[in-house]
Amino acid sequence: KALGVIAAIVLGGRLLLRPALRWIAGSRTPEIFTA
């Protein structure tokens, strides 16, 4: 399970984190980006 979660974090970080943060930053609401 541990190896699976680490793999999920690495792949998710590569594929999903940047687009998600870009979408959130596009709202131009600083407190939401902090959240």
PDB file of all heavy atoms in Angstrom:
ATOM      1  N   LYS A   1       0.827  -1.201   0.000  1.00  0.00           N
ATOM      2  CA  LYS A   1       0.000   0.000   0.000  1.00  0.00           C
ATOM      3  C   LYS A   1       0.868   1.260   0.000  1.00  0.00           C
ATOM      4  O   LYS A   1       0.559   2.245  -0.688  1.00  0.00           O
ATOM      5  CB  LYS A   1      -0.911   0.010   1.230  1.00  0.00           C
ATOM      6  CG  LYS A   1      -2.024  -1.027   1.211  1.00  0.00           C
ATOM      7  CD  LYS A   1      -2.859  -0.936   2.479  1.00  0.00           C
ATOM      8  CE  LYS A   1      -4.011  -1.945   2.476  1.00  0.00           C
ATOM      9  NZ  LYS A   1      -4.800  -1.869   3.736  1.00  0.00           N
ATOM     10  N   ALA A   2       1.948   1.202   0.759  1.00  0.00           N
ATOM     11  CA  ALA A   2       2.831   2.363   0.841  1.00  0.00           C
ATOM     12  C   ALA A   2       3.429   2.700  -0.515  1.00  0.00           C
ATOM     13  O   ALA A   2       3.445   3.865  -0.944  1.00  0.00           O
ATOM     14  CB  ALA A   2       3.948   2.097   1.854  1.00  0.00           C
ATOM     15  N   LEU A   3       3.926   1.674  -1.214  1.00  0.00           N
ATOM     16  CA  LEU A   3       4.493   1.908  -2.540  1.00  0.00           C
ATOM     17  C   LEU A   3       3.442   2.461  -3.498  1.00  0.00           C
ATOM     18  O   LEU A   3       3.726   3.341  -4.325  1.00  0.00           O
ATOM     19  CB  LEU A   3       5.085   0.604  -3.084  1.00  0.00           C
ATOM     20  CG  LEU A   3       6.331   0.091  -2.361  1.00  0.00           C
ATOM     21  CD1 LEU A   3       6.743  -1.271  -2.924  1.00  0.00           C
ATOM     22  CD2 LEU A   3       7.483   1.083  -2.516  1.00  0.00           C
ATOM     23  N   GLY A   4       2.208   1.950  -3.383  1.00  0.00           N
ATOM     24  CA  GLY A   4       1.133   2.444  -4.241  1.00  0.00           C
ATOM     25  C   GLY A   4       0.823   3.912  -3.993  1.00  0.00           C
ATOM     26  O   GLY A   4       0.628   4.687  -4.937  1.00  0.00           O
ATOM     27  N   VAL A   5       0.791   4.307  -2.731  1.00  0.00           N
ATOM     28  CA  VAL A   5       0.505   5.709  -2.403  1.00  0.00           C
ATOM     29  C   VAL A   5       1.641   6.619  -2.878  1.00  0.00           C
ATOM     30  O   VAL A   5       1.401   7.702  -3.434  1.00  0.00           O
ATOM     31  CB  VAL A   5       0.278   5.866  -0.886  1.00  0.00           C
ATOM     32  CG1 VAL A   5       0.288   7.344  -0.491  1.00  0.00           C
ATOM     33  CG2 VAL A   5      -1.041   5.235  -0.493  1.00  0.00           C
ATOM     34  N   ILE A   6       2.887   6.193  -2.681  1.00  0.00           N
ATOM     35  CA  ILE A   6       4.023   7.000  -3.156  1.00  0.00           C
ATOM     36  C   ILE A   6       3.961   7.169  -4.669  1.00  0.00           C
ATOM     37  O   ILE A   6       4.167   8.268  -5.203  1.00  0.00           O
ATOM     38  CB  ILE A   6       5.353   6.358  -2.723  1.00  0.00           C
ATOM     39  CG1 ILE A   6       5.511   6.457  -1.197  1.00  0.00           C
ATOM     40  CG2 ILE A   6       6.526   7.035  -3.408  1.00  0.00           C
ATOM     41  CD1 ILE A   6       6.713   5.739  -0.652  1.00  0.00           C
ATOM     42  N   ALA A   7       3.654   6.066  -5.379  1.00  0.00           N
ATOM     43  CA  ALA A   7       3.524   6.155  -6.838  1.00  0.00           C
ATOM     44  C   ALA A   7       2.397   7.100  -7.234  1.00  0.00           C
ATOM     45  O   ALA A   7       2.524   7.894  -8.180  1.00  0.00           O
ATOM     46  CB  ALA A   7       3.286   4.761  -7.420  1.00  0.00           C
ATOM     47  N   ALA A   8       1.279   7.039  -6.494  1.00  0.00           N
ATOM     48  CA  ALA A   8       0.150   7.924  -6.794  1.00  0.00           C
ATOM     49  C   ALA A   8       0.529   9.385  -6.584  1.00  0.00           C
ATOM     50  O   ALA A   8       0.159  10.264  -7.375  1.00  0.00           O
ATOM     51  CB  ALA A   8      -1.052   7.554  -5.921  1.00  0.00           C
ATOM     52  N   ILE A   9       1.284   9.678  -5.525  1.00  0.00           N
ATOM     53  CA  ILE A   9       1.705  11.056  -5.263  1.00  0.00           C
ATOM     54  C   ILE A   9       2.636  11.555  -6.360  1.00  0.00           C
ATOM     55  O   ILE A   9       2.498  12.684  -6.855  1.00  0.00           O
ATOM     56  CB  ILE A   9       2.391  11.146  -3.883  1.00  0.00           C
ATOM     57  CG1 ILE A   9       1.357  10.940  -2.773  1.00  0.00           C
ATOM     58  CG2 ILE A   9       3.094  12.490  -3.705  1.00  0.00           C
ATOM     59  CD1 ILE A   9       1.964  10.871  -1.382  1.00  0.00           C
ATOM     60  N   VAL A  10       3.582  10.704  -6.778  1.00  0.00           N
ATOM     61  CA  VAL A  10       4.529  11.119  -7.817  1.00  0.00           C
ATOM     62  C   VAL A  10       3.809  11.357  -9.145  1.00  0.00           C
ATOM     63  O   VAL A  10       3.980  12.395  -9.793  1.00  0.00           O
ATOM     64  CB  VAL A  10       5.642  10.065  -7.969  1.00  0.00           C
ATOM     65  CG1 VAL A  10       6.519  10.405  -9.163  1.00  0.00           C
ATOM     66  CG2 VAL A  10       6.487   9.999  -6.697  1.00  0.00           C
ATOM     67  N   LEU A  11       2.981  10.398  -9.553  1.00  0.00           N
ATOM     68  CA  LEU A  11       2.275  10.553 -10.837  1.00  0.00           C
ATOM     69  C   LEU A  11       1.270  11.698 -10.779  1.00  0.00           C
ATOM     70  O   LEU A  11       1.160  12.490 -11.726  1.00  0.00           O
ATOM     71  CB  LEU A  11       1.568   9.239 -11.185  1.00  0.00           C
ATOM     72  CG  LEU A  11       2.478   8.056 -11.539  1.00  0.00           C
ATOM     73  CD1 LEU A  11       1.644   6.797 -11.773  1.00  0.00           C
ATOM     74  CD2 LEU A  11       3.301   8.365 -12.786  1.00  0.00           C
ATOM     75  N   GLY A  12       0.524  11.776  -9.673  1.00  0.00           N
ATOM     76  CA  GLY A  12      -0.432  12.864  -9.536  1.00  0.00           C
ATOM     77  C   GLY A  12       0.248  14.220  -9.539  1.00  0.00           C
ATOM     78  O   GLY A  12      -0.258  15.189 -10.129  1.00  0.00           O
ATOM     79  N   GLY A  13       1.406  14.293  -8.883  1.00  0.00           N
ATOM     80  CA  GLY A  13       2.148  15.550  -8.877  1.00  0.00           C
ATOM     81  C   GLY A  13       2.613  15.953 -10.263  1.00  0.00           C
ATOM     82  O   GLY A  13       2.580  17.130 -10.628  1.00  0.00           O
ATOM     83  N   ARG A  14       3.033  14.975 -11.041  1.00  0.00           N
ATOM     84  CA  ARG A  14       3.504  15.264 -12.394  1.00  0.00           C
ATOM     85  C   ARG A  14       2.367  15.674 -13.322  1.00  0.00           C
ATOM     86  O   ARG A  14       2.513  16.588 -14.140  1.00  0.00           O
ATOM     87  CB  ARG A  14       4.184  14.012 -12.978  1.00  0.00           C
ATOM     88  CG  ARG A  14       5.490  13.661 -12.295  1.00  0.00           C
ATOM     89  CD  ARG A  14       6.638  14.320 -12.995  1.00  0.00           C
ATOM     90  NE  ARG A  14       7.911  13.958 -12.411  1.00  0.00           N
ATOM     91  CZ  ARG A  14       9.008  14.675 -12.620  1.00  0.00           C
ATOM     92  NH1 ARG A  14       8.961  15.780 -13.326  1.00  0.00           N
ATOM     93  NH2 ARG A  14      10.145  14.313 -12.077  1.00  0.00           N
ATOM     94  N   LEU A  15       1.218  15.000 -13.204  1.00  0.00           N
ATOM     95  CA  LEU A  15       0.158  15.162 -14.200  1.00  0.00           C
ATOM     96  C   LEU A  15      -0.946  16.126 -13.780  1.00  0.00           C
ATOM     97  O   LEU A  15      -1.559  16.766 -14.640  1.00  0.00           O
ATOM     98  CB  LEU A  15      -0.457  13.792 -14.512  1.00  0.00           C
ATOM     99  CG  LEU A  15       0.502  12.715 -15.039  1.00  0.00           C
ATOM    100  CD1 LEU A  15      -0.230  11.392 -15.197  1.00  0.00           C
ATOM    101  CD2 LEU A  15       1.130  13.152 -16.349  1.00  0.00           C
ATOM    102  N   LEU A  16      -1.211  16.225 -12.474  1.00  0.00           N
ATOM    103  CA  LEU A  16      -2.412  16.952 -12.049  1.00  0.00           C
ATOM    104  C   LEU A  16      -2.148  18.240 -11.277  1.00  0.00           C
ATOM    105  O   LEU A  16      -2.935  19.188 -11.371  1.00  0.00           O
ATOM    106  CB  LEU A  16      -3.275  16.032 -11.166  1.00  0.00           C
ATOM    107  CG  LEU A  16      -3.757  14.726 -11.820  1.00  0.00           C
ATOM    108  CD1 LEU A  16      -4.521  13.893 -10.809  1.00  0.00           C
ATOM    109  CD2 LEU A  16      -4.629  15.026 -13.033  1.00  0.00           C
ATOM    110  N   LEU A  17      -1.055  18.290 -10.487  1.00  0.00           N
ATOM    111  CA  LEU A  17      -0.885  19.415  -9.579  1.00  0.00           C
ATOM    112  C   LEU A  17      -0.755  20.752 -10.299  1.00  0.00           C
ATOM    113  O   LEU A  17      -1.414  21.737  -9.948  1.00  0.00           O
ATOM    114  CB  LEU A  17       0.339  19.183  -8.682  1.00  0.00           C
ATOM    115  CG  LEU A  17       0.130  18.269  -7.476  1.00  0.00           C
ATOM    116  CD1 LEU A  17       1.393  18.199  -6.638  1.00  0.00           C
ATOM    117  CD2 LEU A  17      -1.022  18.752  -6.615  1.00  0.00           C
ATOM    118  N   ARG A  18       0.117  20.809 -11.301  1.00  0.00           N
ATOM    119  CA  ARG A  18       0.310  22.091 -11.986  1.00  0.00           C
ATOM    120  C   ARG A  18      -0.958  22.596 -12.668  1.00  0.00           C
ATOM    121  O   ARG A  18      -1.317  23.773 -12.505  1.00  0.00           O
ATOM    122  CB  ARG A  18       1.455  21.978 -12.996  1.00  0.00           C
ATOM    123  CG  ARG A  18       2.821  21.914 -12.338  1.00  0.00           C
ATOM    124  CD  ARG A  18       3.911  22.126 -13.357  1.00  0.00           C
ATOM    125  NE  ARG A  18       5.222  21.897 -12.784  1.00  0.00           N
ATOM    126  CZ  ARG A  18       6.357  22.050 -13.441  1.00  0.00           C
ATOM    127  NH1 ARG A  18       6.329  22.414 -14.709  1.00  0.00           N
ATOM    128  NH2 ARG A  18       7.517  21.836 -12.855  1.00  0.00           N
ATOM    129  N   PRO A  19      -1.662  21.753 -13.446  1.00  0.00           N
ATOM    130  CA  PRO A  19      -2.923  22.251 -14.032  1.00  0.00           C
ATOM    131  C   PRO A  19      -3.925  22.690 -12.973  1.00  0.00           C
ATOM    132  O   PRO A  19      -4.621  23.698 -13.156  1.00  0.00           O
ATOM    133  CB  PRO A  19      -3.436  21.047 -14.833  1.00  0.00           C
ATOM    134  CG  PRO A  19      -2.231  20.227 -15.112  1.00  0.00           C
ATOM    135  CD  PRO A  19      -1.336  20.406 -13.937  1.00  0.00           C
ATOM    136  N   ALA A  20      -3.998  21.956 -11.863  1.00  0.00           N
ATOM    137  CA  ALA A  20      -4.944  22.328 -10.812  1.00  0.00           C
ATOM    138  C   ALA A  20      -4.576  23.675 -10.192  1.00  0.00           C
ATOM    139  O   ALA A  20      -5.438  24.544  -9.991  1.00  0.00           O
ATOM    140  CB  ALA A  20      -4.979  21.245  -9.734  1.00  0.00           C
ATOM    141  N   LEU A  21      -3.291  23.879  -9.903  1.00  0.00           N
ATOM    142  CA  LEU A  21      -2.866  25.157  -9.339  1.00  0.00           C
ATOM    143  C   LEU A  21      -3.049  26.295 -10.329  1.00  0.00           C
ATOM    144  O   LEU A  21      -3.382  27.422  -9.950  1.00  0.00           O
ATOM    145  CB  LEU A  21      -1.397  25.068  -8.900  1.00  0.00           C
ATOM    146  CG  LEU A  21      -1.115  24.204  -7.665  1.00  0.00           C
ATOM    147  CD1 LEU A  21       0.384  24.092  -7.419  1.00  0.00           C
ATOM    148  CD2 LEU A  21      -1.793  24.785  -6.430  1.00  0.00           C
ATOM    149  N   ARG A  22      -2.824  26.010 -11.624  1.00  0.00           N
ATOM    150  CA  ARG A  22      -3.027  27.045 -12.647  1.00  0.00           C
ATOM    151  C   ARG A  22      -4.493  27.453 -12.701  1.00  0.00           C
ATOM    152  O   ARG A  22      -4.830  28.635 -12.829  1.00  0.00           O
ATOM    153  CB  ARG A  22      -2.555  26.513 -14.002  1.00  0.00           C
ATOM    154  CG  ARG A  22      -2.514  27.581 -15.107  1.00  0.00           C
ATOM    155  CD  ARG A  22      -1.938  27.004 -16.393  1.00  0.00           C
ATOM    156  NE  ARG A  22      -0.565  26.567 -16.194  1.00  0.00           N
ATOM    157  CZ  ARG A  22      -0.148  25.318 -16.358  1.00  0.00           C
ATOM    158  NH1 ARG A  22      -1.017  24.366 -16.697  1.00  0.00           N
ATOM    159  NH2 ARG A  22       1.114  25.001 -16.180  1.00  0.00           N
ATOM    160  N   TRP A  23      -5.372  26.472 -12.590  1.00  0.00           N
ATOM    161  CA  TRP A  23      -6.813  26.765 -12.622  1.00  0.00           C
ATOM    162  C   TRP A  23      -7.227  27.585 -11.397  1.00  0.00           C
ATOM    163  O   TRP A  23      -7.991  28.539 -11.501  1.00  0.00           O
ATOM    164  CB  TRP A  23      -7.587  25.454 -12.680  1.00  0.00           C
ATOM    165  CG  TRP A  23      -9.072  25.632 -12.659  1.00  0.00           C
ATOM    166  CD1 TRP A  23      -9.879  26.123 -13.647  1.00  0.00           C
ATOM    167  CD2 TRP A  23      -9.947  25.333 -11.556  1.00  0.00           C
ATOM    168  NE1 TRP A  23     -11.191  26.142 -13.248  1.00  0.00           N
ATOM    169  CE2 TRP A  23     -11.262  25.667 -11.963  1.00  0.00           C
ATOM    170  CE3 TRP A  23      -9.753  24.807 -10.281  1.00  0.00           C
ATOM    171  CZ2 TRP A  23     -12.363  25.489 -11.147  1.00  0.00           C
ATOM    172  CZ3 TRP A  23     -10.841  24.645  -9.463  1.00  0.00           C
ATOM    173  CH2 TRP A  23     -12.132  24.976  -9.888  1.00  0.00           C
ATOM    174  N   ILE A  24      -6.683  27.206 -10.230  1.00  0.00           N
ATOM    175  CA  ILE A  24      -7.018  27.935  -8.999  1.00  0.00           C
ATOM    176  C   ILE A  24      -6.449  29.349  -9.046  1.00  0.00           C
ATOM    177  O   ILE A  24      -7.115  30.320  -8.659  1.00  0.00           O
ATOM    178  CB  ILE A  24      -6.492  27.174  -7.769  1.00  0.00           C
ATOM    179  CG1 ILE A  24      -7.239  25.845  -7.635  1.00  0.00           C
ATOM    180  CG2 ILE A  24      -6.634  28.006  -6.503  1.00  0.00           C
ATOM    181  CD1 ILE A  24      -6.602  24.882  -6.659  1.00  0.00           C
ATOM    182  N   ALA A  25      -5.213  29.482  -9.539  1.00  0.00           N
ATOM    183  CA  ALA A  25      -4.611  30.818  -9.633  1.00  0.00           C
ATOM    184  C   ALA A  25      -5.389  31.709 -10.593  1.00  0.00           C
ATOM    185  O   ALA A  25      -5.432  32.936 -10.427  1.00  0.00           O
ATOM    186  CB  ALA A  25      -3.154  30.712 -10.081  1.00  0.00           C
ATOM    187  N   GLY A  26      -6.036  31.094 -11.591  1.00  0.00           N
ATOM    188  CA  GLY A  26      -6.826  31.858 -12.550  1.00  0.00           C
ATOM    189  C   GLY A  26      -8.025  32.535 -11.925  1.00  0.00           C
ATOM    190  O   GLY A  26      -8.573  33.491 -12.504  1.00  0.00           O
ATOM    191  N   SER A  27      -8.442  32.067 -10.758  1.00  0.00           N
ATOM    192  CA  SER A  27      -9.577  32.712 -10.077  1.00  0.00           C
ATOM    193  C   SER A  27      -9.193  34.067  -9.506  1.00  0.00           C
ATOM    194  O   SER A  27     -10.061  34.853  -9.134  1.00  0.00           O
ATOM    195  CB  SER A  27     -10.095  31.812  -8.956  1.00  0.00           C
ATOM    196  OG  SER A  27      -9.143  31.734  -7.907  1.00  0.00           O
ATOM    197  N   ARG A  28      -7.862  34.316  -9.391  1.00  0.00           N
ATOM    198  CA  ARG A  28      -7.345  35.590  -8.870  1.00  0.00           C
ATOM    199  C   ARG A  28      -7.917  35.920  -7.488  1.00  0.00           C
ATOM    200  O   ARG A  28      -8.278  37.062  -7.197  1.00  0.00           O
ATOM    201  CB  ARG A  28      -7.619  36.730  -9.858  1.00  0.00           C
ATOM    202  CG  ARG A  28      -7.020  36.502 -11.228  1.00  0.00           C
ATOM    203  CD  ARG A  28      -7.159  37.707 -12.131  1.00  0.00           C
ATOM    204  NE  ARG A  28      -6.638  37.414 -13.463  1.00  0.00           N
ATOM    205  CZ  ARG A  28      -5.361  37.439 -13.803  1.00  0.00           C
ATOM    206  NH1 ARG A  28      -4.458  37.755 -12.897  1.00  0.00           N
ATOM    207  NH2 ARG A  28      -4.968  37.158 -15.031  1.00  0.00           N
ATOM    208  N   THR A  29      -8.017  34.882  -6.663  1.00  0.00           N
ATOM    209  CA  THR A  29      -8.489  35.049  -5.288  1.00  0.00           C
ATOM    210  C   THR A  29      -7.391  34.535  -4.364  1.00  0.00           C
ATOM    211  O   THR A  29      -7.243  33.325  -4.178  1.00  0.00           O
ATOM    212  CB  THR A  29      -9.786  34.256  -5.051  1.00  0.00           C
ATOM    213  OG1 THR A  29     -10.717  34.556  -6.092  1.00  0.00           O
ATOM    214  CG2 THR A  29     -10.393  34.602  -3.705  1.00  0.00           C
ATOM    215  N   PRO A  30      -6.575  35.434  -3.782  1.00  0.00           N
ATOM    216  CA  PRO A  30      -5.397  34.999  -3.022  1.00  0.00           C
ATOM    217  C   PRO A  30      -5.722  34.035  -1.881  1.00  0.00           C
ATOM    218  O   PRO A  30      -4.995  33.078  -1.648  1.00  0.00           O
ATOM    219  CB  PRO A  30      -4.823  36.327  -2.480  1.00  0.00           C
ATOM    220  CG  PRO A  30      -5.330  37.372  -3.415  1.00  0.00           C
ATOM    221  CD  PRO A  30      -6.683  36.894  -3.873  1.00  0.00           C
ATOM    222  N   GLU A  31      -6.850  34.286  -1.173  1.00  0.00           N
ATOM    223  CA  GLU A  31      -7.135  33.420  -0.028  1.00  0.00           C
ATOM    224  C   GLU A  31      -7.477  31.999  -0.462  1.00  0.00           C
ATOM    225  O   GLU A  31      -7.214  31.035   0.264  1.00  0.00           O
ATOM    226  CB  GLU A  31      -8.283  34.003   0.813  1.00  0.00           C
ATOM    227  CG  GLU A  31      -9.602  34.138   0.082  1.00  0.00           C
ATOM    228  CD  GLU A  31      -9.754  35.474  -0.621  1.00  0.00           C
ATOM    229  OE1 GLU A  31      -8.719  36.143  -0.858  1.00  0.00           O
ATOM    230  OE2 GLU A  31     -10.884  35.861  -0.922  1.00  0.00           O
ATOM    231  N   ILE A  32      -8.053  31.851  -1.676  1.00  0.00           N
ATOM    232  CA  ILE A  32      -8.349  30.510  -2.179  1.00  0.00           C
ATOM    233  C   ILE A  32      -7.063  29.784  -2.544  1.00  0.00           C
ATOM    234  O   ILE A  32      -6.922  28.572  -2.310  1.00  0.00           O
ATOM    235  CB  ILE A  32      -9.297  30.583  -3.392  1.00  0.00           C
ATOM    236  CG1 ILE A  32     -10.656  31.144  -2.961  1.00  0.00           C
ATOM    237  CG2 ILE A  32      -9.486  29.209  -4.016  1.00  0.00           C
ATOM    238  CD1 ILE A  32     -11.346  30.323  -1.889  1.00  0.00           C
ATOM    239  N   PHE A  33      -6.084  30.513  -3.086  1.00  0.00           N
ATOM    240  CA  PHE A  33      -4.801  29.880  -3.398  1.00  0.00           C
ATOM    241  C   PHE A  33      -4.109  29.440  -2.107  1.00  0.00           C
ATOM    242  O   PHE A  33      -3.509  28.369  -2.045  1.00  0.00           O
ATOM    243  CB  PHE A  33      -3.900  30.835  -4.177  1.00  0.00           C
ATOM    244  CG  PHE A  33      -2.713  30.159  -4.799  1.00  0.00           C
ATOM    245  CD1 PHE A  33      -2.791  29.617  -6.062  1.00  0.00           C
ATOM    246  CD2 PHE A  33      -1.519  30.035  -4.097  1.00  0.00           C
ATOM    247  CE1 PHE A  33      -1.705  28.971  -6.633  1.00  0.00           C
ATOM    248  CE2 PHE A  33      -0.428  29.392  -4.647  1.00  0.00           C
ATOM    249  CZ  PHE A  33      -0.525  28.860  -5.933  1.00  0.00           C
ATOM    250  N   THR A  34      -4.215  30.265  -1.053  1.00  0.00           N
ATOM    251  CA  THR A  34      -3.657  29.873   0.247  1.00  0.00           C
ATOM    252  C   THR A  34      -4.345  28.606   0.760  1.00  0.00           C
ATOM    253  O   THR A  34      -3.689  27.681   1.251  1.00  0.00           O
ATOM    254  CB  THR A  34      -3.830  31.012   1.259  1.00  0.00           C
ATOM    255  OG1 THR A  34      -3.174  32.186   0.772  1.00  0.00           O
ATOM    256  CG2 THR A  34      -3.247  30.632   2.606  1.00  0.00           C
ATOM    257  N   ALA A  35      -5.687  28.576   0.645  1.00  0.00           N
ATOM    258  CA  ALA A  35      -6.432  27.387   1.074  1.00  0.00           C
ATOM    259  C   ALA A  35      -6.020  26.164   0.259  1.00  0.00           C
ATOM    260  O   ALA A  35      -5.873  25.057   0.803  1.00  0.00           O
ATOM    261  CB  ALA A  35      -7.931  27.635   0.936  1.00  0.00           C
TER     262      ALA A  35
END
